[in-house]
Amino acid sequence: MQNSVLPSKSDFEKVQTITNPQGDKYIGKLKFDKPHGLGTVIYADGDKYEGYFEDGVPSGDGKMTYSDGDVYTGEFKRGQPDG
């Protein structure tokens, strides 16, 4: 006989794609309609962020690839590189 396991909250979270009015495209999980957890955003100006979000902004480990080719890999706080 198998043990039944109740699904966790994360089992109900799905990757979504949203585009804001400025043309920034986010692919990842949402919490209260804001990017939260692991995701990617491609900004309208060509910059690209891959990493963790908290309350809609990059927070934690991530990688920002700027449209001019520069790359920052490291910690982000409140949407800004921190390191």
PDB file of N, CA and C in Angstrom:
ATOM      1  N   MET A   1       0.847  -1.183   0.000  1.00  0.00           N
ATOM      2  CA  MET A   1       0.000   0.000   0.000  1.00  0.00           C
ATOM      3  C   MET A   1       0.891   1.245   0.000  1.00  0.00           C
ATOM      4  N   GLN A   2       0.576   2.201  -0.883  1.00  0.00           N
ATOM      5  CA  GLN A   2       1.353   3.438  -0.964  1.00  0.00           C
ATOM      6  C   GLN A   2       0.835   4.458   0.024  1.00  0.00           C
ATOM      7  N   ASN A   3       1.770   5.241   0.567  1.00  0.00           N
ATOM      8  CA  ASN A   3       1.368   6.360   1.416  1.00  0.00           C
ATOM      9  C   ASN A   3       0.896   7.486   0.528  1.00  0.00           C
ATOM     10  N   SER A   4      -0.196   8.104   0.874  1.00  0.00           N
ATOM     11  CA  SER A   4      -0.629   9.265   0.104  1.00  0.00           C
ATOM     12  C   SER A   4       0.084  10.499   0.640  1.00  0.00           C
ATOM     13  N   VAL A   5       0.462  11.355  -0.266  1.00  0.00           N
ATOM     14  CA  VAL A   5       1.152  12.591   0.100  1.00  0.00           C
ATOM     15  C   VAL A   5       0.319  13.754  -0.404  1.00  0.00           C
ATOM     16  N   LEU A   6       0.015  14.646   0.486  1.00  0.00           N
ATOM     17  CA  LEU A   6      -0.737  15.828   0.083  1.00  0.00           C
ATOM     18  C   LEU A   6       0.157  16.746  -0.733  1.00  0.00           C
ATOM     19  N   PRO A   7      -0.357  17.373  -1.763  1.00  0.00           N
ATOM     20  CA  PRO A   7       0.470  18.296  -2.551  1.00  0.00           C
ATOM     21  C   PRO A   7       0.871  19.510  -1.722  1.00  0.00           C
ATOM     22  N   SER A   8       2.080  19.971  -1.949  1.00  0.00           N
ATOM     23  CA  SER A   8       2.544  21.173  -1.252  1.00  0.00           C
ATOM     24  C   SER A   8       2.115  22.402  -2.036  1.00  0.00           C
ATOM     25  N   LYS A   9       2.266  23.551  -1.415  1.00  0.00           N
ATOM     26  CA  LYS A   9       1.919  24.810  -2.067  1.00  0.00           C
ATOM     27  C   LYS A   9       2.693  24.979  -3.365  1.00  0.00           C
ATOM     28  N   SER A  10       3.961  24.550  -3.369  1.00  0.00           N
ATOM     29  CA  SER A  10       4.783  24.723  -4.572  1.00  0.00           C
ATOM     30  C   SER A  10       4.270  23.891  -5.740  1.00  0.00           C
ATOM     31  N   ASP A  11       3.520  22.816  -5.449  1.00  0.00           N
ATOM     32  CA  ASP A  11       2.958  22.015  -6.527  1.00  0.00           C
ATOM     33  C   ASP A  11       1.927  22.804  -7.336  1.00  0.00           C
ATOM     34  N   PHE A  12       1.374  23.846  -6.734  1.00  0.00           N
ATOM     35  CA  PHE A  12       0.354  24.632  -7.415  1.00  0.00           C
ATOM     36  C   PHE A  12       0.934  25.870  -8.108  1.00  0.00           C
ATOM     37  N   GLU A  13       2.202  26.189  -7.813  1.00  0.00           N
ATOM     38  CA  GLU A  13       2.817  27.344  -8.439  1.00  0.00           C
ATOM     39  C   GLU A  13       3.223  26.975  -9.861  1.00  0.00           C
ATOM     40  N   LYS A  14       2.975  27.859 -10.778  1.00  0.00           N
ATOM     41  CA  LYS A  14       3.305  27.605 -12.168  1.00  0.00           C
ATOM     42  C   LYS A  14       4.144  28.749 -12.708  1.00  0.00           C
ATOM     43  N   VAL A  15       5.001  28.405 -13.646  1.00  0.00           N
ATOM     44  CA  VAL A  15       5.774  29.433 -14.330  1.00  0.00           C
ATOM     45  C   VAL A  15       4.828  30.199 -15.243  1.00  0.00           C
ATOM     46  N   GLN A  16       4.921  31.507 -15.168  1.00  0.00           N
ATOM     47  CA  GLN A  16       4.062  32.361 -15.985  1.00  0.00           C
ATOM     48  C   GLN A  16       4.907  33.366 -16.747  1.00  0.00           C
ATOM     49  N   THR A  17       4.351  33.902 -17.796  1.00  0.00           N
ATOM     50  CA  THR A  17       5.003  34.949 -18.581  1.00  0.00           C
ATOM     51  C   THR A  17       4.114  36.180 -18.551  1.00  0.00           C
ATOM     52  N   ILE A  18       4.696  37.302 -18.141  1.00  0.00           N
ATOM     53  CA  ILE A  18       3.949  38.561 -18.132  1.00  0.00           C
ATOM     54  C   ILE A  18       4.794  39.640 -18.797  1.00  0.00           C
ATOM     55  N   THR A  19       4.136  40.582 -19.415  1.00  0.00           N
ATOM     56  CA  THR A  19       4.808  41.726 -20.035  1.00  0.00           C
ATOM     57  C   THR A  19       4.154  42.991 -19.493  1.00  0.00           C
ATOM     58  N   ASN A  20       4.970  43.913 -18.984  1.00  0.00           N
ATOM     59  CA  ASN A  20       4.414  45.150 -18.438  1.00  0.00           C
ATOM     60  C   ASN A  20       4.266  46.200 -19.544  1.00  0.00           C
ATOM     61  N   PRO A  21       3.600  47.307 -19.247  1.00  0.00           N
ATOM     62  CA  PRO A  21       3.370  48.352 -20.264  1.00  0.00           C
ATOM     63  C   PRO A  21       4.662  48.930 -20.860  1.00  0.00           C
ATOM     64  N   GLN A  22       5.781  48.844 -20.125  1.00  0.00           N
ATOM     65  CA  GLN A  22       7.055  49.368 -20.633  1.00  0.00           C
ATOM     66  C   GLN A  22       7.727  48.395 -21.602  1.00  0.00           C
ATOM     67  N   GLY A  23       7.184  47.181 -21.719  1.00  0.00           N
ATOM     68  CA  GLY A  23       7.735  46.187 -22.632  1.00  0.00           C
ATOM     69  C   GLY A  23       8.695  45.202 -21.989  1.00  0.00           C
ATOM     70  N   ASP A  24       8.856  45.252 -20.655  1.00  0.00           N
ATOM     71  CA  ASP A  24       9.699  44.291 -19.951  1.00  0.00           C
ATOM     72  C   ASP A  24       8.941  42.961 -19.853  1.00  0.00           C
ATOM     73  N   LYS A  25       9.633  41.858 -20.167  1.00  0.00           N
ATOM     74  CA  LYS A  25       8.999  40.537 -20.158  1.00  0.00           C
ATOM     75  C   LYS A  25       9.588  39.694 -19.034  1.00  0.00           C
ATOM     76  N   TYR A  26       8.722  39.168 -18.158  1.00  0.00           N
ATOM     77  CA  TYR A  26       9.130  38.330 -17.034  1.00  0.00           C
ATOM     78  C   TYR A  26       8.634  36.915 -17.262  1.00  0.00           C
ATOM     79  N   ILE A  27       9.526  35.950 -17.013  1.00  0.00           N
ATOM     80  CA  ILE A  27       9.173  34.535 -17.092  1.00  0.00           C
ATOM     81  C   ILE A  27       9.574  33.909 -15.760  1.00  0.00           C
ATOM     82  N   GLY A  28       8.610  33.417 -15.001  1.00  0.00           N
ATOM     83  CA  GLY A  28       8.906  32.812 -13.714  1.00  0.00           C
ATOM     84  C   GLY A  28       7.664  32.710 -12.854  1.00  0.00           C
ATOM     85  N   LYS A  29       7.901  32.505 -11.573  1.00  0.00           N
ATOM     86  CA  LYS A  29       6.795  32.356 -10.632  1.00  0.00           C
ATOM     87  C   LYS A  29       6.367  33.705 -10.068  1.00  0.00           C
ATOM     88  N   LEU A  30       5.104  33.766  -9.689  1.00  0.00           N
ATOM     89  CA  LEU A  30       4.530  34.985  -9.123  1.00  0.00           C
ATOM     90  C   LEU A  30       4.009  34.706  -7.722  1.00  0.00           C
ATOM     91  N   LYS A  31       4.024  35.735  -6.899  1.00  0.00           N
ATOM     92  CA  LYS A  31       3.391  35.699  -5.587  1.00  0.00           C
ATOM     93  C   LYS A  31       2.648  37.015  -5.441  1.00  0.00           C
ATOM     94  N   PHE A  32       1.355  36.938  -5.241  1.00  0.00           N
ATOM     95  CA  PHE A  32       0.508  38.134  -5.188  1.00  0.00           C
ATOM     96  C   PHE A  32       0.715  38.994  -6.432  1.00  0.00           C
ATOM     97  N   ASP A  33       0.770  38.340  -7.593  1.00  0.00           N
ATOM     98  CA  ASP A  33       0.896  38.999  -8.903  1.00  0.00           C
ATOM     99  C   ASP A  33       2.208  39.744  -9.101  1.00  0.00           C
ATOM    100  N   LYS A  34       3.242  39.414  -8.329  1.00  0.00           N
ATOM    101  CA  LYS A  34       4.564  40.022  -8.488  1.00  0.00           C
ATOM    102  C   LYS A  34       5.594  38.921  -8.669  1.00  0.00           C
ATOM    103  N   PRO A  35       6.655  39.176  -9.453  1.00  0.00           N
ATOM    104  CA  PRO A  35       7.729  38.184  -9.559  1.00  0.00           C
ATOM    105  C   PRO A  35       8.261  37.818  -8.178  1.00  0.00           C
ATOM    106  N   HIS A  36       8.375  36.498  -7.940  1.00  0.00           N
ATOM    107  CA  HIS A  36       8.849  36.031  -6.638  1.00  0.00           C
ATOM    108  C   HIS A  36       9.420  34.629  -6.817  1.00  0.00           C
ATOM    109  N   GLY A  37      10.665  34.441  -6.386  1.00  0.00           N
ATOM    110  CA  GLY A  37      11.333  33.161  -6.582  1.00  0.00           C
ATOM    111  C   GLY A  37      12.228  33.245  -7.803  1.00  0.00           C
ATOM    112  N   LEU A  38      12.524  32.114  -8.386  1.00  0.00           N
ATOM    113  CA  LEU A  38      13.428  32.061  -9.528  1.00  0.00           C
ATOM    114  C   LEU A  38      12.723  32.509 -10.805  1.00  0.00           C
ATOM    115  N   GLY A  39      13.384  33.392 -11.553  1.00  0.00           N
ATOM    116  CA  GLY A  39      12.792  33.869 -12.792  1.00  0.00           C
ATOM    117  C   GLY A  39      13.783  34.633 -13.645  1.00  0.00           C
ATOM    118  N   THR A  40      13.294  35.076 -14.790  1.00  0.00           N
ATOM    119  CA  THR A  40      14.088  35.834 -15.754  1.00  0.00           C
ATOM    120  C   THR A  40      13.264  37.021 -16.231  1.00  0.00           C
ATOM    121  N   VAL A  41      13.916  38.164 -16.350  1.00  0.00           N
ATOM    122  CA  VAL A  41      13.251  39.318 -16.953  1.00  0.00           C
ATOM    123  C   VAL A  41      14.136  39.840 -18.080  1.00  0.00           C
ATOM    124  N   ILE A  42      13.498  40.096 -19.198  1.00  0.00           N
ATOM    125  CA  ILE A  42      14.172  40.710 -20.337  1.00  0.00           C
ATOM    126  C   ILE A  42      13.592  42.111 -20.456  1.00  0.00           C
ATOM    127  N   TYR A  43      14.436  43.089 -20.182  1.00  0.00           N
ATOM    128  CA  TYR A  43      13.989  44.473 -20.175  1.00  0.00           C
ATOM    129  C   TYR A  43      13.884  45.008 -21.597  1.00  0.00           C
ATOM    130  N   ALA A  44      13.020  45.971 -21.789  1.00  0.00           N
ATOM    131  CA  ALA A  44      12.803  46.563 -23.105  1.00  0.00           C
ATOM    132  C   ALA A  44      14.077  47.166 -23.690  1.00  0.00           C
ATOM    133  N   ASP A  45      15.016  47.603 -22.823  1.00  0.00           N
ATOM    134  CA  ASP A  45      16.268  48.200 -23.320  1.00  0.00           C
ATOM    135  C   ASP A  45      17.320  47.159 -23.708  1.00  0.00           C
ATOM    136  N   GLY A  46      16.986  45.857 -23.557  1.00  0.00           N
ATOM    137  CA  GLY A  46      17.899  44.794 -23.943  1.00  0.00           C
ATOM    138  C   GLY A  46      18.651  44.153 -22.796  1.00  0.00           C
ATOM    139  N   ASP A  47      18.602  44.738 -21.592  1.00  0.00           N
ATOM    140  CA  ASP A  47      19.219  44.111 -20.421  1.00  0.00           C
ATOM    141  C   ASP A  47      18.429  42.848 -20.062  1.00  0.00           C
ATOM    142  N   LYS A  48      19.129  41.890 -19.422  1.00  0.00           N
ATOM    143  CA  LYS A  48      18.475  40.639 -19.026  1.00  0.00           C
ATOM    144  C   LYS A  48      18.949  40.242 -17.631  1.00  0.00           C
ATOM    145  N   TYR A  49      17.993  39.962 -16.726  1.00  0.00           N
ATOM    146  CA  TYR A  49      18.303  39.499 -15.379  1.00  0.00           C
ATOM    147  C   TYR A  49      17.791  38.082 -15.218  1.00  0.00           C
ATOM    148  N   GLU A  50      18.659  37.207 -14.691  1.00  0.00           N
ATOM    149  CA  GLU A  50      18.291  35.832 -14.391  1.00  0.00           C
ATOM    150  C   GLU A  50      18.643  35.564 -12.936  1.00  0.00           C
ATOM    151  N   GLY A  51      17.668  35.160 -12.149  1.00  0.00           N
ATOM    152  CA  GLY A  51      17.955  34.895 -10.748  1.00  0.00           C
ATOM    153  C   GLY A  51      16.710  34.953  -9.896  1.00  0.00           C
ATOM    154  N   TYR A  52      16.911  35.343  -8.652  1.00  0.00           N
ATOM    155  CA  TYR A  52      15.827  35.342  -7.670  1.00  0.00           C
ATOM    156  C   TYR A  52      15.184  36.720  -7.536  1.00  0.00           C
ATOM    157  N   PHE A  53      13.883  36.684  -7.295  1.00  0.00           N
ATOM    158  CA  PHE A  53      13.074  37.888  -7.088  1.00  0.00           C
ATOM    159  C   PHE A  53      12.388  37.794  -5.739  1.00  0.00           C
ATOM    160  N   GLU A  54      12.160  38.950  -5.142  1.00  0.00           N
ATOM    161  CA  GLU A  54      11.369  39.038  -3.920  1.00  0.00           C
ATOM    162  C   GLU A  54      10.498  40.275  -4.030  1.00  0.00           C
ATOM    163  N   ASP A  55       9.204  40.087  -3.898  1.00  0.00           N
ATOM    164  CA  ASP A  55       8.247  41.200  -3.988  1.00  0.00           C
ATOM    165  C   ASP A  55       8.420  42.026  -5.260  1.00  0.00           C
ATOM    166  N   GLY A  56       8.719  41.362  -6.367  1.00  0.00           N
ATOM    167  CA  GLY A  56       8.748  42.034  -7.658  1.00  0.00           C
ATOM    168  C   GLY A  56      10.080  42.579  -8.114  1.00  0.00           C
ATOM    169  N   VAL A  57      11.122  42.488  -7.280  1.00  0.00           N
ATOM    170  CA  VAL A  57      12.429  43.038  -7.672  1.00  0.00           C
ATOM    171  C   VAL A  57      13.532  41.990  -7.486  1.00  0.00           C
ATOM    172  N   PRO A  58      14.607  42.090  -8.281  1.00  0.00           N
ATOM    173  CA  PRO A  58      15.731  41.178  -8.082  1.00  0.00           C
ATOM    174  C   PRO A  58      16.245  41.243  -6.655  1.00  0.00           C
ATOM    175  N   SER A  59      16.402  40.064  -6.048  1.00  0.00           N
ATOM    176  CA  SER A  59      16.855  39.989  -4.663  1.00  0.00           C
ATOM    177  C   SER A  59      17.495  38.625  -4.439  1.00  0.00           C
ATOM    178  N   GLY A  60      18.731  38.615  -3.994  1.00  0.00           N
ATOM    179  CA  GLY A  60      19.451  37.362  -3.810  1.00  0.00           C
ATOM    180  C   GLY A  60      20.439  37.149  -4.944  1.00  0.00           C
ATOM    181  N   ASP A  61      20.778  35.895  -5.191  1.00  0.00           N
ATOM    182  CA  ASP A  61      21.749  35.585  -6.240  1.00  0.00           C
ATOM    183  C   ASP A  61      21.140  35.779  -7.616  1.00  0.00           C
ATOM    184  N   GLY A  62      21.923  36.401  -8.506  1.00  0.00           N
ATOM    185  CA  GLY A  62      21.432  36.602  -9.862  1.00  0.00           C
ATOM    186  C   GLY A  62      22.529  37.021 -10.802  1.00  0.00           C
ATOM    187  N   LYS A  63      22.145  37.123 -12.061  1.00  0.00           N
ATOM    188  CA  LYS A  63      23.071  37.526 -13.120  1.00  0.00           C
ATOM    189  C   LYS A  63      22.382  38.555 -13.996  1.00  0.00           C
ATOM    190  N   MET A  64      23.011  39.717 -14.139  1.00  0.00           N
ATOM    191  CA  MET A  64      22.496  40.767 -15.013  1.00  0.00           C
ATOM    192  C   MET A  64      23.421  40.866 -16.216  1.00  0.00           C
ATOM    193  N   THR A  65      22.849  40.682 -17.392  1.00  0.00           N
ATOM    194  CA  THR A  65      23.594  40.858 -18.631  1.00  0.00           C
ATOM    195  C   THR A  65      23.080  42.141 -19.268  1.00  0.00           C
ATOM    196  N   TYR A  66      23.946  43.122 -19.358  1.00  0.00           N
ATOM    197  CA  TYR A  66      23.558  44.425 -19.897  1.00  0.00           C
ATOM    198  C   TYR A  66      23.619  44.412 -21.420  1.00  0.00           C
ATOM    199  N   SER A  67      22.840  45.265 -22.032  1.00  0.00           N
ATOM    200  CA  SER A  67      22.766  45.303 -23.495  1.00  0.00           C
ATOM    201  C   SER A  67      24.102  45.644 -24.142  1.00  0.00           C
ATOM    202  N   ASP A  68      25.020  46.282 -23.380  1.00  0.00           N
ATOM    203  CA  ASP A  68      26.337  46.610 -23.944  1.00  0.00           C
ATOM    204  C   ASP A  68      27.338  45.456 -23.804  1.00  0.00           C
ATOM    205  N   GLY A  69      26.871  44.318 -23.230  1.00  0.00           N
ATOM    206  CA  GLY A  69      27.723  43.151 -23.097  1.00  0.00           C
ATOM    207  C   GLY A  69      28.323  42.959 -21.717  1.00  0.00           C
ATOM    208  N   ASP A  70      28.282  43.982 -20.855  1.00  0.00           N
ATOM    209  CA  ASP A  70      28.784  43.837 -19.487  1.00  0.00           C
ATOM    210  C   ASP A  70      27.905  42.839 -18.731  1.00  0.00           C
ATOM    211  N   VAL A  71      28.520  42.129 -17.783  1.00  0.00           N
ATOM    212  CA  VAL A  71      27.802  41.137 -16.995  1.00  0.00           C
ATOM    213  C   VAL A  71      28.144  41.326 -15.525  1.00  0.00           C
ATOM    214  N   TYR A  72      27.130  41.293 -14.670  1.00  0.00           N
ATOM    215  CA  TYR A  72      27.332  41.272 -13.224  1.00  0.00           C
ATOM    216  C   TYR A  72      26.696  39.992 -12.708  1.00  0.00           C
ATOM    217  N   THR A  73      27.470  39.199 -11.967  1.00  0.00           N
ATOM    218  CA  THR A  73      26.962  37.994 -11.326  1.00  0.00           C
ATOM    219  C   THR A  73      27.228  38.126  -9.840  1.00  0.00           C
ATOM    220  N   GLY A  74      26.188  37.995  -9.037  1.00  0.00           N
ATOM    221  CA  GLY A  74      26.364  38.118  -7.596  1.00  0.00           C
ATOM    222  C   GLY A  74      25.064  38.429  -6.898  1.00  0.00           C
ATOM    223  N   GLU A  75      25.189  39.109  -5.783  1.00  0.00           N
ATOM    224  CA  GLU A  75      24.063  39.426  -4.902  1.00  0.00           C
ATOM    225  C   GLU A  75      23.315  40.681  -5.378  1.00  0.00           C
ATOM    226  N   PHE A  76      21.993  40.633  -5.266  1.00  0.00           N
ATOM    227  CA  PHE A  76      21.142  41.785  -5.540  1.00  0.00           C
ATOM    228  C   PHE A  76      20.322  42.081  -4.296  1.00  0.00           C
ATOM    229  N   LYS A  77      20.153  43.381  -4.011  1.00  0.00           N
ATOM    230  CA  LYS A  77      19.289  43.816  -2.904  1.00  0.00           C
ATOM    231  C   LYS A  77      18.395  44.930  -3.402  1.00  0.00           C
ATOM    232  N   ARG A  78      17.106  44.760  -3.142  1.00  0.00           N
ATOM    233  CA  ARG A  78      16.111  45.772  -3.542  1.00  0.00           C
ATOM    234  C   ARG A  78      16.262  46.177  -5.009  1.00  0.00           C
ATOM    235  N   GLY A  79      16.573  45.205  -5.856  1.00  0.00           N
ATOM    236  CA  GLY A  79      16.645  45.455  -7.290  1.00  0.00           C
ATOM    237  C   GLY A  79      17.975  45.935  -7.813  1.00  0.00           C
ATOM    238  N   GLN A  80      18.960  46.126  -6.932  1.00  0.00           N
ATOM    239  CA  GLN A  80      20.257  46.676  -7.337  1.00  0.00           C
ATOM    240  C   GLN A  80      21.400  45.702  -7.031  1.00  0.00           C
ATOM    241  N   PRO A  81      22.436  45.656  -7.913  1.00  0.00           N
ATOM    242  CA  PRO A  81      23.613  44.845  -7.590  1.00  0.00           C
ATOM    243  C   PRO A  81      24.196  45.266  -6.252  1.00  0.00           C
ATOM    244  N   ASP A  82      24.635  44.308  -5.469  1.00  0.00           N
ATOM    245  CA  ASP A  82      25.176  44.605  -4.147  1.00  0.00           C
ATOM    246  C   ASP A  82      26.472  43.812  -3.952  1.00  0.00           C
ATOM    247  N   GLY A  83      27.526  44.351  -4.520  1.00  0.00           N
ATOM    248  CA  GLY A  83      28.787  43.645  -4.349  1.00  0.00           C
ATOM    249  C   GLY A  83      29.884  44.181  -5.220  1.00  0.00           C
TER     250      GLY A  83
END
